[in-house]
Amino acid sequence: VQVVESGGGSVQTGGSLRLSCRASGDTFDDYAIGWFRQAPGRQPEKVSCLGNSDGTTYYADSVKGRFTISSDDAKTTVYLQMNSLRPEDTAVYSCAADHFASCGSFYYTGDLFASRGQGTQVFVSS
């Protein structure tokens, strides 16, 4: 499967954005789909994950209670709803997917997920 992100943009503090990770070449059935983000000068951070094969989810502590990951019924698109955005959420957000993986494997080895998108920029102004 290939993945393409969309939905980034610029918002003020407290605003919301919904990112999309769309599958092509396959559906996300039996995939784990994770979101990374990387801000300039900082290490990549694993933000969230949805495990379609085991129904698990993962959220980094920094986004718990503010971000929600979900999928459409057709399992072709995974969404990251981001609410109560803060300037420190500013980053390039990218999604990655791996077949028969879990969010546990995303947490430990997500950098090795087979499919990775180019990313979409999120900017949160103060």
Foldseek 3Di string as FASTA:
>chain_A
DAWAKDWADEEAQQAKIKMKIFDDPDACAQKKKWKWWDDPPDDIDTAKIAGNNVGDMDGDPVQPPFWDWDADPVRGMIMIIGGRDDQVVWTWMKMAMAHNDGVVCCVVPVVVGDYIYPTDTHGYHD
